[in-house]
């Protein structure tokens, strides 16, 4: 009976995983639209500091995650230097 429950749970997990993977392109399209909004000078000028800080922290964390391993000491100057290369 335990094996049957595990099999059912694995099957349900697979359904969820398959669904998420099927929506990957749509999710990327949404991320692209949001990233375009982040480029808006007016939005940035009107955003409260805590929101800008949150966005910056998330971007640094997500897009710079693999850069942490490459950085010698992870100084802020180095991190921003990496982002300058992207521009």
PDB file of N, CA and C in Angstrom:
ATOM      1  N   UNK A   1       0.827  -1.197   0.000  1.00  0.00           N
ATOM      2  CA  UNK A   1       0.000   0.000   0.000  1.00  0.00           C
ATOM      3  C   UNK A   1       0.874   1.265   0.000  1.00  0.00           C
ATOM      4  N   UNK A   2       1.969   1.215   0.761  1.00  0.00           N
ATOM      5  CA  UNK A   2       2.873   2.361   0.816  1.00  0.00           C
ATOM      6  C   UNK A   2       3.479   2.632  -0.565  1.00  0.00           C
ATOM      7  N   UNK A   3       3.829   1.570  -1.291  1.00  0.00           N
ATOM      8  CA  UNK A   3       4.386   1.706  -2.638  1.00  0.00           C
ATOM      9  C   UNK A   3       3.375   2.343  -3.575  1.00  0.00           C
ATOM     10  N   UNK A   4       2.116   1.990  -3.408  1.00  0.00           N
ATOM     11  CA  UNK A   4       1.055   2.553  -4.246  1.00  0.00           C
ATOM     12  C   UNK A   4       0.915   4.056  -3.981  1.00  0.00           C
ATOM     13  N   UNK A   5       0.991   4.461  -2.708  1.00  0.00           N
ATOM     14  CA  UNK A   5       0.907   5.878  -2.360  1.00  0.00           C
ATOM     15  C   UNK A   5       2.101   6.635  -2.929  1.00  0.00           C
ATOM     16  N   UNK A   6       3.292   6.050  -2.817  1.00  0.00           N
ATOM     17  CA  UNK A   6       4.484   6.695  -3.357  1.00  0.00           C
ATOM     18  C   UNK A   6       4.392   6.844  -4.871  1.00  0.00           C
ATOM     19  N   UNK A   7       3.883   5.826  -5.529  1.00  0.00           N
ATOM     20  CA  UNK A   7       3.722   5.860  -6.975  1.00  0.00           C
ATOM     21  C   UNK A   7       2.739   6.953  -7.378  1.00  0.00           C
ATOM     22  N   UNK A   8       1.647   7.070  -6.638  1.00  0.00           N
ATOM     23  CA  UNK A   8       0.643   8.101  -6.926  1.00  0.00           C
ATOM     24  C   UNK A   8       1.229   9.491  -6.686  1.00  0.00           C
ATOM     25  N   UNK A   9       1.973   9.655  -5.606  1.00  0.00           N
ATOM     26  CA  UNK A   9       2.601  10.941  -5.305  1.00  0.00           C
ATOM     27  C   UNK A   9       3.607  11.311  -6.388  1.00  0.00           C
ATOM     28  N   UNK A  10       4.404  10.339  -6.825  1.00  0.00           N
ATOM     29  CA  UNK A  10       5.380  10.590  -7.888  1.00  0.00           C
ATOM     30  C   UNK A  10       4.683  10.970  -9.187  1.00  0.00           C
ATOM     31  N   UNK A  11       3.582  10.314  -9.464  1.00  0.00           N
ATOM     32  CA  UNK A  11       2.810  10.607 -10.668  1.00  0.00           C
ATOM     33  C   UNK A  11       2.245  12.029 -10.610  1.00  0.00           C
ATOM     34  N   UNK A  12       1.717  12.411  -9.462  1.00  0.00           N
ATOM     35  CA  UNK A  12       1.178  13.761  -9.291  1.00  0.00           C
ATOM     36  C   UNK A  12       2.289  14.802  -9.373  1.00  0.00           C
ATOM     37  N   UNK A  13       3.444  14.502  -8.778  1.00  0.00           N
ATOM     38  CA  UNK A  13       4.589  15.414  -8.867  1.00  0.00           C
ATOM     39  C   UNK A  13       5.006  15.598 -10.320  1.00  0.00           C
ATOM     40  N   UNK A  14       4.995  14.523 -11.073  1.00  0.00           N
ATOM     41  CA  UNK A  14       5.380  14.579 -12.488  1.00  0.00           C
ATOM     42  C   UNK A  14       4.391  15.434 -13.266  1.00  0.00           C
ATOM     43  N   UNK A  15       3.106  15.324 -12.957  1.00  0.00           N
ATOM     44  CA  UNK A  15       2.090  16.156 -13.623  1.00  0.00           C
ATOM     45  C   UNK A  15       2.359  17.631 -13.383  1.00  0.00           C
ATOM     46  N   UNK A  16       2.677  17.974 -12.145  1.00  0.00           N
ATOM     47  CA  UNK A  16       2.963  19.372 -11.806  1.00  0.00           C
ATOM     48  C   UNK A  16       4.216  19.834 -12.533  1.00  0.00           C
ATOM     49  N   UNK A  17       5.240  19.012 -12.518  1.00  0.00           N
ATOM     50  CA  UNK A  17       6.489  19.362 -13.201  1.00  0.00           C
ATOM     51  C   UNK A  17       6.261  19.543 -14.695  1.00  0.00           C
ATOM     52  N   UNK A  18       5.527  18.643 -15.307  1.00  0.00           N
ATOM     53  CA  UNK A  18       5.226  18.748 -16.740  1.00  0.00           C
ATOM     54  C   UNK A  18       4.444  20.024 -17.046  1.00  0.00           C
ATOM     55  N   UNK A  19       3.489  20.354 -16.185  1.00  0.00           N
ATOM     56  CA  UNK A  19       2.706  21.572 -16.380  1.00  0.00           C
ATOM     57  C   UNK A  19       3.604  22.810 -16.316  1.00  0.00           C
ATOM     58  N   UNK A  20       4.455  22.861 -15.298  1.00  0.00           N
ATOM     59  CA  UNK A  20       5.357  24.002 -15.134  1.00  0.00           C
ATOM     60  C   UNK A  20       6.262  24.128 -16.356  1.00  0.00           C
ATOM     61  N   UNK A  21       6.817  23.021 -16.806  1.00  0.00           N
ATOM     62  CA  UNK A  21       7.693  23.057 -17.975  1.00  0.00           C
ATOM     63  C   UNK A  21       6.941  23.491 -19.226  1.00  0.00           C
ATOM     64  N   UNK A  22       5.673  23.135 -19.331  1.00  0.00           N
ATOM     65  CA  UNK A  22       4.885  23.531 -20.501  1.00  0.00           C
ATOM     66  C   UNK A  22       4.620  25.042 -20.511  1.00  0.00           C
ATOM     67  N   UNK A  23       4.720  25.684 -19.367  1.00  0.00           N
ATOM     68  CA  UNK A  23       4.464  27.128 -19.254  1.00  0.00           C
ATOM     69  C   UNK A  23       5.747  27.954 -19.252  1.00  0.00           C
ATOM     70  N   UNK A  24       6.883  27.300 -19.486  1.00  0.00           N
ATOM     71  CA  UNK A  24       8.178  27.974 -19.401  1.00  0.00           C
ATOM     72  C   UNK A  24       8.280  29.181 -20.340  1.00  0.00           C
ATOM     73  N   UNK A  25       7.861  29.028 -21.600  1.00  0.00           N
ATOM     74  CA  UNK A  25       7.946  30.131 -22.556  1.00  0.00           C
ATOM     75  C   UNK A  25       7.063  31.292 -22.120  1.00  0.00           C
ATOM     76  N   UNK A  26       5.850  30.998 -21.678  1.00  0.00           N
ATOM     77  CA  UNK A  26       4.955  32.058 -21.206  1.00  0.00           C
ATOM     78  C   UNK A  26       5.566  32.793 -20.022  1.00  0.00           C
ATOM     79  N   UNK A  27       6.177  32.050 -19.110  1.00  0.00           N
ATOM     80  CA  UNK A  27       6.808  32.668 -17.946  1.00  0.00           C
ATOM     81  C   UNK A  27       7.967  33.561 -18.387  1.00  0.00           C
ATOM     82  N   UNK A  28       8.742  33.092 -19.346  1.00  0.00           N
ATOM     83  CA  UNK A  28       9.857  33.904 -19.851  1.00  0.00           C
ATOM     84  C   UNK A  28       9.350  35.175 -20.530  1.00  0.00           C
ATOM     85  N   UNK A  29       8.237  35.074 -21.242  1.00  0.00           N
ATOM     86  CA  UNK A  29       7.643  36.263 -21.868  1.00  0.00           C
ATOM     87  C   UNK A  29       7.237  37.290 -20.813  1.00  0.00           C
ATOM     88  N   UNK A  30       6.670  36.820 -19.718  1.00  0.00           N
ATOM     89  CA  UNK A  30       6.271  37.716 -18.627  1.00  0.00           C
ATOM     90  C   UNK A  30       7.509  38.364 -17.999  1.00  0.00           C
ATOM     91  N   UNK A  31       8.529  37.556 -17.773  1.00  0.00           N
ATOM     92  CA  UNK A  31       9.782  38.096 -17.206  1.00  0.00           C
ATOM     93  C   UNK A  31      10.346  39.160 -18.136  1.00  0.00           C
ATOM     94  N   UNK A  32      10.323  38.917 -19.448  1.00  0.00           N
ATOM     95  CA  UNK A  32      10.817  39.912 -20.409  1.00  0.00           C
ATOM     96  C   UNK A  32      10.044  41.228 -20.311  1.00  0.00           C
ATOM     97  N   UNK A  33       8.720  41.138 -20.177  1.00  0.00           N
ATOM     98  CA  UNK A  33       7.902  42.353 -20.058  1.00  0.00           C
ATOM     99  C   UNK A  33       8.250  43.116 -18.782  1.00  0.00           C
ATOM    100  N   UNK A  34       8.425  42.384 -17.705  1.00  0.00           N
ATOM    101  CA  UNK A  34       8.772  43.026 -16.433  1.00  0.00           C
ATOM    102  C   UNK A  34      10.152  43.666 -16.523  1.00  0.00           C
ATOM    103  N   UNK A  35      11.091  42.983 -17.150  1.00  0.00           N
ATOM    104  CA  UNK A  35      12.439  43.531 -17.306  1.00  0.00           C
ATOM    105  C   UNK A  35      12.408  44.824 -18.121  1.00  0.00           C
ATOM    106  N   UNK A  36      11.520  44.884 -19.114  1.00  0.00           N
ATOM    107  CA  UNK A  36      11.377  46.116 -19.895  1.00  0.00           C
ATOM    108  C   UNK A  36      10.894  47.263 -19.006  1.00  0.00           C
ATOM    109  N   UNK A  37       9.983  46.964 -18.089  1.00  0.00           N
ATOM    110  CA  UNK A  37       9.496  47.981 -17.162  1.00  0.00           C
ATOM    111  C   UNK A  37      10.621  48.497 -16.267  1.00  0.00           C
ATOM    112  N   UNK A  38      11.535  47.602 -15.905  1.00  0.00           N
ATOM    113  CA  UNK A  38      12.658  48.004 -15.053  1.00  0.00           C
ATOM    114  C   UNK A  38      13.579  48.988 -15.768  1.00  0.00           C
ATOM    115  N   UNK A  39      13.510  49.036 -17.080  1.00  0.00           N
ATOM    116  CA  UNK A  39      14.350  49.948 -17.850  1.00  0.00           C
ATOM    117  C   UNK A  39      13.754  51.353 -17.947  1.00  0.00           C
ATOM    118  N   UNK A  40      12.527  51.520 -17.524  1.00  0.00           N
ATOM    119  CA  UNK A  40      11.848  52.804 -17.627  1.00  0.00           C
ATOM    120  C   UNK A  40      12.445  53.819 -16.652  1.00  0.00           C
ATOM    121  N   UNK A  41      13.022  54.873 -17.190  1.00  0.00           N
ATOM    122  CA  UNK A  41      13.623  55.925 -16.363  1.00  0.00           C
ATOM    123  C   UNK A  41      12.574  56.575 -15.460  1.00  0.00           C
ATOM    124  N   UNK A  42      11.359  56.778 -15.988  1.00  0.00           N
ATOM    125  CA  UNK A  42      10.295  57.394 -15.203  1.00  0.00           C
ATOM    126  C   UNK A  42       9.902  56.511 -14.024  1.00  0.00           C
ATOM    127  N   UNK A  43       9.774  55.222 -14.286  1.00  0.00           N
ATOM    128  CA  UNK A  43       9.437  54.287 -13.209  1.00  0.00           C
ATOM    129  C   UNK A  43      10.498  54.309 -12.116  1.00  0.00           C
ATOM    130  N   UNK A  44      11.739  54.287 -12.542  1.00  0.00           N
ATOM    131  CA  UNK A  44      12.843  54.287 -11.576  1.00  0.00           C
ATOM    132  C   UNK A  44      12.832  55.583 -10.769  1.00  0.00           C
ATOM    133  N   UNK A  45      12.620  56.699 -11.436  1.00  0.00           N
ATOM    134  CA  UNK A  45      12.623  57.998 -10.755  1.00  0.00           C
ATOM    135  C   UNK A  45      11.487  58.105  -9.735  1.00  0.00           C
ATOM    136  N   UNK A  46      10.372  57.455 -10.010  1.00  0.00           N
ATOM    137  CA  UNK A  46       9.210  57.555  -9.133  1.00  0.00           C
ATOM    138  C   UNK A  46       9.095  56.426  -8.107  1.00  0.00           C
ATOM    139  N   UNK A  47       9.962  55.448  -8.177  1.00  0.00           N
ATOM    140  CA  UNK A  47       9.868  54.293  -7.276  1.00  0.00           C
ATOM    141  C   UNK A  47      10.473  54.627  -5.912  1.00  0.00           C
ATOM    142  N   UNK A  48       9.844  54.163  -4.854  1.00  0.00           N
ATOM    143  CA  UNK A  48      10.421  54.349  -3.519  1.00  0.00           C
ATOM    144  C   UNK A  48      11.747  53.582  -3.403  1.00  0.00           C
ATOM    145  N   UNK A  49      12.614  54.080  -2.562  1.00  0.00           N
ATOM    146  CA  UNK A  49      13.935  53.492  -2.396  1.00  0.00           C
ATOM    147  C   UNK A  49      13.868  52.010  -2.014  1.00  0.00           C
ATOM    148  N   UNK A  50      12.924  51.647  -1.144  1.00  0.00           N
ATOM    149  CA  UNK A  50      12.853  50.236  -0.729  1.00  0.00           C
ATOM    150  C   UNK A  50      12.509  49.316  -1.901  1.00  0.00           C
ATOM    151  N   UNK A  51      11.698  49.783  -2.852  1.00  0.00           N
ATOM    152  CA  UNK A  51      11.369  48.965  -4.016  1.00  0.00           C
ATOM    153  C   UNK A  51      12.568  48.829  -4.949  1.00  0.00           C
ATOM    154  N   UNK A  52      13.286  49.935  -5.152  1.00  0.00           N
ATOM    155  CA  UNK A  52      14.487  49.874  -5.983  1.00  0.00           C
ATOM    156  C   UNK A  52      15.520  48.935  -5.376  1.00  0.00           C
ATOM    157  N   UNK A  53      15.661  49.027  -4.071  1.00  0.00           N
ATOM    158  CA  UNK A  53      16.608  48.165  -3.364  1.00  0.00           C
ATOM    159  C   UNK A  53      16.221  46.702  -3.510  1.00  0.00           C
ATOM    160  N   UNK A  54      14.949  46.418  -3.402  1.00  0.00           N
ATOM    161  CA  UNK A  54      14.463  45.049  -3.532  1.00  0.00           C
ATOM    162  C   UNK A  54      14.733  44.498  -4.933  1.00  0.00           C
ATOM    163  N   UNK A  55      14.432  45.296  -5.939  1.00  0.00           N
ATOM    164  CA  UNK A  55      14.665  44.874  -7.321  1.00  0.00           C
ATOM    165  C   UNK A  55      16.158  44.646  -7.550  1.00  0.00           C
ATOM    166  N   UNK A  56      16.970  45.575  -7.099  1.00  0.00           N
ATOM    167  CA  UNK A  56      18.408  45.447  -7.295  1.00  0.00           C
ATOM    168  C   UNK A  56      18.941  44.196  -6.598  1.00  0.00           C
ATOM    169  N   UNK A  57      18.503  43.962  -5.373  1.00  0.00           N
ATOM    170  CA  UNK A  57      18.939  42.780  -4.641  1.00  0.00           C
ATOM    171  C   UNK A  57      18.549  41.495  -5.340  1.00  0.00           C
ATOM    172  N   UNK A  58      17.324  41.452  -5.846  1.00  0.00           N
ATOM    173  CA  UNK A  58      16.854  40.261  -6.548  1.00  0.00           C
ATOM    174  C   UNK A  58      17.651  40.040  -7.831  1.00  0.00           C
ATOM    175  N   UNK A  59      17.867  41.101  -8.592  1.00  0.00           N
ATOM    176  CA  UNK A  59      18.631  40.957  -9.831  1.00  0.00           C
ATOM    177  C   UNK A  59      20.061  40.497  -9.557  1.00  0.00           C
ATOM    178  N   UNK A  60      20.688  41.108  -8.571  1.00  0.00           N
ATOM    179  CA  UNK A  60      22.058  40.708  -8.233  1.00  0.00           C
ATOM    180  C   UNK A  60      22.107  39.258  -7.778  1.00  0.00           C
ATOM    181  N   UNK A  61      21.128  38.876  -6.978  1.00  0.00           N
ATOM    182  CA  UNK A  61      21.094  37.503  -6.460  1.00  0.00           C
ATOM    183  C   UNK A  61      20.845  36.494  -7.575  1.00  0.00           C
ATOM    184  N   UNK A  62      19.861  36.757  -8.411  1.00  0.00           N
ATOM    185  CA  UNK A  62      19.467  35.784  -9.442  1.00  0.00           C
ATOM    186  C   UNK A  62      20.432  35.740 -10.616  1.00  0.00           C
ATOM    187  N   UNK A  63      20.783  36.914 -11.117  1.00  0.00           N
ATOM    188  CA  UNK A  63      21.619  36.946 -12.310  1.00  0.00           C
ATOM    189  C   UNK A  63      23.102  36.880 -11.985  1.00  0.00           C
ATOM    190  N   UNK A  64      23.450  37.140 -10.753  1.00  0.00           N
ATOM    191  CA  UNK A  64      24.851  37.090 -10.369  1.00  0.00           C
ATOM    192  C   UNK A  64      25.197  35.880  -9.539  1.00  0.00           C
ATOM    193  N   UNK A  65      24.276  34.930  -9.413  1.00  0.00           N
ATOM    194  CA  UNK A  65      24.493  33.772  -8.547  1.00  0.00           C
ATOM    195  C   UNK A  65      25.735  32.987  -8.941  1.00  0.00           C
ATOM    196  N   UNK A  66      25.910  32.735 -10.242  1.00  0.00           N
ATOM    197  CA  UNK A  66      27.086  31.970 -10.649  1.00  0.00           C
ATOM    198  C   UNK A  66      28.351  32.821 -10.640  1.00  0.00           C
ATOM    199  N   UNK A  67      28.188  34.135 -10.628  1.00  0.00           N
ATOM    200  CA  UNK A  67      29.345  35.020 -10.578  1.00  0.00           C
ATOM    201  C   UNK A  67      30.002  35.012  -9.202  1.00  0.00           C
ATOM    202  N   UNK A  68      29.239  34.655  -8.167  1.00  0.00           N
ATOM    203  CA  UNK A  68      29.803  34.609  -6.821  1.00  0.00           C
ATOM    204  C   UNK A  68      30.973  33.645  -6.756  1.00  0.00           C
ATOM    205  N   UNK A  69      30.846  32.533  -7.476  1.00  0.00           N
ATOM    206  CA  UNK A  69      31.906  31.540  -7.469  1.00  0.00           C
ATOM    207  C   UNK A  69      33.158  32.058  -8.165  1.00  0.00           C
ATOM    208  N   UNK A  70      32.986  32.914  -9.172  1.00  0.00           N
ATOM    209  CA  UNK A  70      34.109  33.431  -9.947  1.00  0.00           C
ATOM    210  C   UNK A  70      34.795  34.609  -9.259  1.00  0.00           C
ATOM    211  N   UNK A  71      34.042  35.374  -8.470  1.00  0.00           N
ATOM    212  CA  UNK A  71      34.577  36.595  -7.862  1.00  0.00           C
ATOM    213  C   UNK A  71      35.648  36.263  -6.838  1.00  0.00           C
ATOM    214  N   UNK A  72      36.696  37.096  -6.829  1.00  0.00           N
ATOM    215  CA  UNK A  72      37.786  36.828  -5.896  1.00  0.00           C
ATOM    216  C   UNK A  72      37.382  37.141  -4.466  1.00  0.00           C
ATOM    217  N   UNK A  73      36.810  38.320  -4.245  1.00  0.00           N
ATOM    218  CA  UNK A  73      36.391  38.644  -2.883  1.00  0.00           C
ATOM    219  C   UNK A  73      34.965  39.181  -2.814  1.00  0.00           C
ATOM    220  N   UNK A  74      34.283  39.297  -3.957  1.00  0.00           N
ATOM    221  CA  UNK A  74      32.884  39.688  -3.986  1.00  0.00           C
ATOM    222  C   UNK A  74      32.623  41.131  -3.597  1.00  0.00           C
ATOM    223  N   UNK A  75      33.599  42.011  -3.815  1.00  0.00           N
ATOM    224  CA  UNK A  75      33.384  43.408  -3.461  1.00  0.00           C
ATOM    225  C   UNK A  75      32.303  43.998  -4.358  1.00  0.00           C
ATOM    226  N   UNK A  76      31.665  45.031  -3.859  1.00  0.00           N
ATOM    227  CA  UNK A  76      30.598  45.689  -4.612  1.00  0.00           C
ATOM    228  C   UNK A  76      31.126  46.203  -5.949  1.00  0.00           C
ATOM    229  N   UNK A  77      32.330  46.733  -5.964  1.00  0.00           N
ATOM    230  CA  UNK A  77      32.917  47.240  -7.205  1.00  0.00           C
ATOM    231  C   UNK A  77      33.044  46.125  -8.241  1.00  0.00           C
ATOM    232  N   UNK A  78      33.447  44.941  -7.795  1.00  0.00           N
ATOM    233  CA  UNK A  78      33.570  43.813  -8.717  1.00  0.00           C
ATOM    234  C   UNK A  78      32.213  43.404  -9.255  1.00  0.00           C
ATOM    235  N   UNK A  79      31.222  43.355  -8.386  1.00  0.00           N
ATOM    236  CA  UNK A  79      29.872  42.951  -8.809  1.00  0.00           C
ATOM    237  C   UNK A  79      29.344  43.920  -9.834  1.00  0.00           C
ATOM    238  N   UNK A  80      29.468  45.218  -9.575  1.00  0.00           N
ATOM    239  CA  UNK A  80      28.978  46.199 -10.523  1.00  0.00           C
ATOM    240  C   UNK A  80      29.818  46.196 -11.801  1.00  0.00           C
ATOM    241  N   UNK A  81      31.077  45.889 -11.676  1.00  0.00           N
ATOM    242  CA  UNK A  81      31.935  45.756 -12.846  1.00  0.00           C
ATOM    243  C   UNK A  81      31.425  44.668 -13.759  1.00  0.00           C
ATOM    244  N   UNK A  82      30.985  43.553 -13.183  1.00  0.00           N
ATOM    245  CA  UNK A  82      30.421  42.461 -13.968  1.00  0.00           C
ATOM    246  C   UNK A  82      29.179  42.927 -14.721  1.00  0.00           C
ATOM    247  N   UNK A  83      28.344  43.741 -14.092  1.00  0.00           N
ATOM    248  CA  UNK A  83      27.134  44.216 -14.750  1.00  0.00           C
ATOM    249  C   UNK A  83      27.474  45.218 -15.851  1.00  0.00           C
ATOM    250  N   UNK A  84      28.549  45.979 -15.683  1.00  0.00           N
ATOM    251  CA  UNK A  84      28.971  46.912 -16.733  1.00  0.00           C
ATOM    252  C   UNK A  84      29.336  46.152 -18.000  1.00  0.00           C
ATOM    253  N   UNK A  85      29.936  44.979 -17.848  1.00  0.00           N
ATOM    254  CA  UNK A  85      30.301  44.159 -19.007  1.00  0.00           C
ATOM    255  C   UNK A  85      29.068  43.747 -19.805  1.00  0.00           C
ATOM    256  N   UNK A  86      27.952  43.589 -19.125  1.00  0.00           N
ATOM    257  CA  UNK A  86      26.714  43.154 -19.777  1.00  0.00           C
ATOM    258  C   UNK A  86      26.129  44.256 -20.634  1.00  0.00           C
ATOM    259  N   UNK A  87      26.244  45.500 -20.169  1.00  0.00           N
ATOM    260  CA  UNK A  87      25.685  46.628 -20.929  1.00  0.00           C
ATOM    261  C   UNK A  87      26.314  46.644 -22.258  1.00  0.00           C
TER     262      UNK A  87
END
